[in-house]
């Protein structure tokens, strides 16, 4: 289903399901109806819902842009280039954290970032040896690099807007408002892309819709909320570096489920 914006829009709209949790959890209802004690923003002190809406509005554009450009770049660059350029989000996150969060760049952080990028290069080269490499264009590489940079900015913006610790904002509610904003404000872009002939609107078939739902609820919805919670409790760089664990976990699942074997360079 080659519809980059539709997939981004559909997956992000799934975040709005988190707001239904307020019907079941009294703690969430209280946070939405009363001012949050952990926020000192007098403008949004009328009720918690205004605070959540303000946070969601600040991170929503960067979130949508990063994910849309990543999905768009998949068909316009090789798997190797996309994998390597996507890992540069660690570099951008480290730089943005130093500039806007006043976090010190020490040798350990530099080594960790370099190790992740080098590992991605090795894995990408191993994949290229087993496939035809796909298309490789300057436009696709630019999209992947811009997506990584925007994702780094999104990580830092989210950390700036969300307080630390257990008394901070509830991440599911933050992303619930992100989903509502995209649901209400993102559909005109679908019509625009269709009218311009850049992405023809097409409703997915039943089988494809089932796969999209599973991916939206688990691959995007649950995983990104858990990642955001990790960012809330740690730092943007540490949380972004943690995403690299998807490589060994994906390798293990391929070996167990599909019986796939890997070269020594890939495993190392």
Protein backbone atom coordinates (compact mmCIF):
# COMPACT_ATOMS: atom_id res chain seq x y z
CA UNK A 1 0.00 0.00 0.00
CA UNK A 2 2.14 2.81 -1.37
CA UNK A 3 0.43 5.85 0.14
CA UNK A 4 3.00 7.63 2.37
CA UNK A 5 0.79 10.44 3.64
CA UNK A 6 -2.30 8.27 4.11
CA UNK A 7 -0.26 5.82 6.19
CA UNK A 8 1.19 8.66 8.28
CA UNK A 9 -2.27 10.21 8.74
CA UNK A 10 -3.96 6.89 9.52
CA UNK A 11 -1.33 5.78 12.04
CA UNK A 12 -1.31 9.13 13.82
CA UNK A 13 -5.09 9.30 14.05
CA UNK A 14 -4.89 6.08 16.03
CA UNK A 15 -3.40 8.06 18.91
CA UNK A 16 -6.82 9.59 19.55
CA UNK A 17 -7.96 6.23 20.96
CA UNK A 18 -5.95 7.01 24.10
CA UNK A 19 -8.47 9.70 25.05
CA UNK A 20 -11.11 7.00 25.49
CA UNK A 21 -9.07 5.88 28.49
CA UNK A 22 -10.35 8.96 30.32
CA UNK A 23 -13.74 7.26 30.41
CA UNK A 24 -12.28 4.39 32.42
CA UNK A 25 -9.47 5.94 34.46
CA UNK A 26 -10.46 8.48 37.09
CA UNK A 27 -6.89 9.80 37.31
CA UNK A 28 -6.93 10.79 33.65
CA UNK A 29 -10.34 12.48 34.00
CA UNK A 30 -9.01 14.54 36.89
CA UNK A 31 -5.93 15.57 34.89
CA UNK A 32 -8.12 16.74 32.01
CA UNK A 33 -10.62 18.66 34.14
CA UNK A 34 -8.43 20.32 36.76
CA UNK A 35 -5.24 22.42 36.58
CA UNK A 36 -2.12 20.29 36.75
CA UNK A 37 0.01 20.99 39.84
CA UNK A 38 3.20 20.18 37.93
CA UNK A 39 2.72 22.97 35.38
CA UNK A 40 3.46 26.58 36.13
CA UNK A 41 2.01 27.90 32.91
CA UNK A 42 -0.65 30.37 34.05
CA UNK A 43 -2.08 30.67 30.55
CA UNK A 44 -3.07 26.99 30.54
CA UNK A 45 -4.07 26.81 34.22
CA UNK A 46 -7.80 26.79 33.47
CA UNK A 47 -7.85 23.01 33.18
CA UNK A 48 -5.48 20.20 32.32
CA UNK A 49 -7.00 19.72 28.88
CA UNK A 50 -5.62 23.10 27.76
CA UNK A 51 -2.14 22.09 28.88
CA UNK A 52 -2.33 18.78 27.02
CA UNK A 53 -3.65 20.53 23.91
CA UNK A 54 -0.81 23.08 24.03
CA UNK A 55 1.85 20.38 24.34
CA UNK A 56 0.30 18.32 21.53
CA UNK A 57 0.07 21.36 19.26
CA UNK A 58 3.76 22.13 19.77
CA UNK A 59 5.02 18.64 18.83
CA UNK A 60 2.41 17.68 16.23
CA UNK A 61 3.95 19.46 13.18
CA UNK A 62 7.43 18.01 13.76
CA UNK A 63 5.97 14.54 14.38
CA UNK A 64 3.94 14.54 11.17
CA UNK A 65 6.75 15.97 9.05
CA UNK A 66 9.35 13.51 10.32
CA UNK A 67 7.16 10.45 9.76
CA UNK A 68 5.78 11.59 6.41
CA UNK A 69 9.22 12.33 4.99
CA UNK A 70 10.50 8.98 6.26
CA UNK A 71 7.63 7.08 4.59
CA UNK A 72 8.04 9.16 1.43
CA UNK A 73 11.78 8.46 1.25
CA UNK A 74 11.34 4.68 1.32
CA UNK A 75 10.47 4.54 -2.39
CA UNK A 76 12.99 7.17 -3.40
CA UNK A 77 16.23 5.87 -1.94
CA UNK A 78 17.94 2.57 -1.28
CA UNK A 79 17.45 0.55 1.88
CA UNK A 80 21.11 1.15 2.75
CA UNK A 81 20.90 4.92 2.41
CA UNK A 82 17.61 5.10 4.27
CA UNK A 83 18.92 3.02 7.19
CA UNK A 84 22.14 5.01 7.56
CA UNK A 85 20.56 8.44 7.16
CA UNK A 86 17.77 7.60 9.63
CA UNK A 87 20.31 6.83 12.36
CA UNK A 88 21.66 10.37 12.07
CA UNK A 89 18.66 11.33 14.23
CA UNK A 90 20.96 10.39 17.12
CA UNK A 91 23.46 13.04 16.01
CA UNK A 92 20.78 15.70 15.62
CA UNK A 93 19.25 14.81 18.97
CA UNK A 94 22.63 15.15 20.68
CA UNK A 95 23.26 18.54 19.06
CA UNK A 96 19.78 19.90 19.77
CA UNK A 97 19.93 18.65 23.36
CA UNK A 98 23.20 20.51 23.87
CA UNK A 99 21.79 23.72 22.37
CA UNK A 100 18.31 23.82 23.90
CA UNK A 101 18.45 21.55 26.97
CA UNK A 102 21.96 22.56 28.08
CA UNK A 103 23.03 18.92 28.18
CA UNK A 104 26.77 18.37 28.06
CA UNK A 105 28.28 16.40 25.17
CA UNK A 106 30.75 14.03 26.80
CA UNK A 107 32.97 11.33 25.23
CA UNK A 108 30.61 8.52 26.28
CA UNK A 109 27.70 10.07 24.34
CA UNK A 110 29.88 10.62 21.29
CA UNK A 111 31.11 7.01 21.37
CA UNK A 112 27.55 5.71 21.73
CA UNK A 113 26.29 7.77 18.78
CA UNK A 114 29.24 6.78 16.57
CA UNK A 115 28.78 3.11 17.47
CA UNK A 116 25.09 3.21 16.48
CA UNK A 117 25.79 4.96 13.17
CA UNK A 118 28.66 2.59 12.30
CA UNK A 119 26.48 -0.39 13.19
CA UNK A 120 23.73 0.89 10.90
CA UNK A 121 26.25 1.25 8.07
CA UNK A 122 27.40 -2.35 8.50
CA UNK A 123 23.83 -3.65 8.59
CA UNK A 124 22.87 -1.56 5.55
CA UNK A 125 25.84 -2.86 3.56
CA UNK A 126 24.93 -6.43 4.51
CA UNK A 127 21.35 -5.83 3.30
CA UNK A 128 22.62 -4.31 0.06
CA UNK A 129 24.70 -7.42 -0.67
CA UNK A 130 21.55 -9.56 -0.42
CA UNK A 131 19.25 -7.26 -2.44
CA UNK A 132 19.42 -5.05 -5.49
CA UNK A 133 19.68 -1.99 -3.25
CA UNK A 134 16.53 -0.31 -4.61
CA UNK A 135 16.41 3.20 -5.98
CA UNK A 136 18.96 5.70 -4.82
CA UNK A 137 18.24 9.35 -5.57
CA UNK A 138 19.39 12.66 -4.17
CA UNK A 139 15.79 13.62 -3.43
CA UNK A 140 15.16 10.45 -1.43
CA UNK A 141 18.39 10.87 0.53
CA UNK A 142 17.47 14.49 1.28
CA UNK A 143 14.03 13.41 2.55
CA UNK A 144 15.54 10.75 4.80
CA UNK A 145 18.10 13.17 6.20
CA UNK A 146 15.49 15.89 6.77
CA UNK A 147 13.26 13.33 8.48
CA UNK A 148 16.09 12.38 10.85
CA UNK A 149 16.80 16.03 11.64
CA UNK A 150 13.11 16.75 12.25
CA UNK A 151 12.81 13.69 14.48
CA UNK A 152 15.70 14.97 16.57
CA UNK A 153 13.95 18.33 16.88
CA UNK A 154 10.68 16.59 17.80
CA UNK A 155 12.45 14.67 20.59
CA UNK A 156 13.90 17.82 22.11
CA UNK A 157 10.66 19.81 21.77
CA UNK A 158 8.77 17.04 23.56
CA UNK A 159 11.33 17.00 26.37
CA UNK A 160 11.09 20.77 26.70
CA UNK A 161 7.30 20.73 26.90
CA UNK A 162 6.77 17.73 29.17
CA UNK A 163 7.87 17.81 32.84
CA UNK A 164 10.03 15.05 34.26
CA UNK A 165 9.07 12.38 36.73
CA UNK A 166 5.92 10.67 37.87
CA UNK A 167 4.08 13.96 38.53
CA UNK A 168 4.44 15.10 34.95
CA UNK A 169 1.95 14.88 32.13
CA UNK A 170 0.47 11.57 31.04
CA UNK A 171 2.04 10.62 27.72
CA UNK A 172 -1.01 8.67 26.46
CA UNK A 173 -3.14 11.80 26.90
CA UNK A 174 -0.54 13.97 25.14
CA UNK A 175 -0.56 11.67 22.13
CA UNK A 176 -4.33 11.38 22.33
CA UNK A 177 -4.53 15.10 21.61
CA UNK A 178 -1.94 14.72 18.84
CA UNK A 179 -4.24 12.17 17.24
CA UNK A 180 -7.27 14.48 17.54
CA UNK A 181 -5.40 17.42 15.97
CA UNK A 182 -4.23 15.29 13.05
CA UNK A 183 -7.67 13.70 12.62
CA UNK A 184 -9.35 17.10 12.39
CA UNK A 185 -6.66 19.07 10.58
CA UNK A 186 -4.80 16.53 8.45
CA UNK A 187 -7.52 15.42 6.00
CA UNK A 188 -7.32 18.55 3.78
CA UNK A 189 -3.75 17.53 2.93
CA UNK A 190 -5.12 14.25 1.57
CA UNK A 191 -7.41 16.19 -0.76
CA UNK A 192 -4.60 18.55 -1.77
CA UNK A 193 -2.20 15.72 -2.62
CA UNK A 194 -4.97 13.97 -4.58
CA UNK A 195 -5.85 17.14 -6.50
CA UNK A 196 -2.19 17.77 -7.38
CA UNK A 197 -1.74 14.17 -8.52
CA UNK A 198 1.08 13.56 -6.03
CA UNK A 199 -0.76 10.88 -4.06
CA UNK A 200 -4.04 9.52 -5.38
CA UNK A 201 -6.49 8.85 -2.58
CA UNK A 202 -7.49 5.21 -2.45
CA UNK A 203 -9.24 3.38 0.37
CA UNK A 204 -7.26 0.23 1.26
CA UNK A 205 -8.71 -3.23 0.74
CA UNK A 206 -10.04 -5.16 3.72
CA UNK A 207 -6.92 -7.30 4.10
CA UNK A 208 -4.65 -4.28 3.85
CA UNK A 209 -6.81 -2.34 6.30
CA UNK A 210 -6.37 -5.11 8.87
CA UNK A 211 -2.59 -4.88 8.55
CA UNK A 212 -2.74 -1.08 8.80
CA UNK A 213 -4.82 -1.29 11.97
CA UNK A 214 -2.38 -3.68 13.65
CA UNK A 215 0.57 -1.51 12.61
CA UNK A 216 -1.18 1.66 13.82
CA UNK A 217 -2.15 0.24 17.22
CA UNK A 218 1.07 -1.64 17.99
CA UNK A 219 3.82 -0.46 15.66
CA UNK A 220 3.00 3.24 16.04
CA UNK A 221 0.52 3.81 18.86
CA UNK A 222 1.85 1.68 21.70
CA UNK A 223 5.55 1.82 20.79
CA UNK A 224 5.70 5.60 20.42
CA UNK A 225 3.86 6.25 23.68
CA UNK A 226 6.23 3.93 25.53
CA UNK A 227 9.21 5.63 23.84
CA UNK A 228 7.89 9.05 24.85
CA UNK A 229 7.51 7.87 28.42
CA UNK A 230 11.14 6.71 28.35
CA UNK A 231 12.13 10.15 27.05
CA UNK A 232 10.18 11.74 29.90
CA UNK A 233 12.09 9.71 32.50
CA UNK A 234 15.54 9.94 30.86
CA UNK A 235 16.93 12.16 28.08
CA UNK A 236 16.13 12.58 24.36
CA UNK A 237 19.51 11.12 23.35
CA UNK A 238 19.19 8.03 25.51
CA UNK A 239 15.64 7.38 24.33
CA UNK A 240 16.64 7.84 20.66
CA UNK A 241 19.65 5.55 21.05
CA UNK A 242 17.33 2.96 22.54
CA UNK A 243 15.46 2.78 19.23
CA UNK A 244 18.53 1.07 17.78
CA UNK A 245 17.55 -2.04 19.74
CA UNK A 246 14.95 -2.65 17.04
CA UNK A 247 17.79 -3.98 14.85
CA UNK A 248 18.83 -6.96 17.04
CA UNK A 249 15.21 -7.66 18.03
CA UNK A 250 14.19 -7.64 14.38
CA UNK A 251 17.11 -9.93 13.53
CA UNK A 252 16.10 -12.35 16.28
CA UNK A 253 12.46 -12.43 15.14
CA UNK A 254 13.54 -13.09 11.53
CA UNK A 255 15.74 -15.96 12.72
CA UNK A 256 13.02 -17.54 14.90
CA UNK A 257 9.93 -16.94 12.75
CA UNK A 258 11.34 -17.06 9.22
CA UNK A 259 14.47 -19.16 9.82
CA UNK A 260 16.65 -16.52 8.24
CA UNK A 261 20.45 -16.71 8.65
CA UNK A 262 22.81 -13.75 8.90
CA UNK A 263 26.43 -13.16 7.98
CA UNK A 264 29.15 -12.61 10.61
CA UNK A 265 29.43 -8.91 9.74
CA UNK A 266 25.68 -8.51 10.16
CA UNK A 267 25.67 -10.15 13.62
CA UNK A 268 28.74 -8.22 14.80
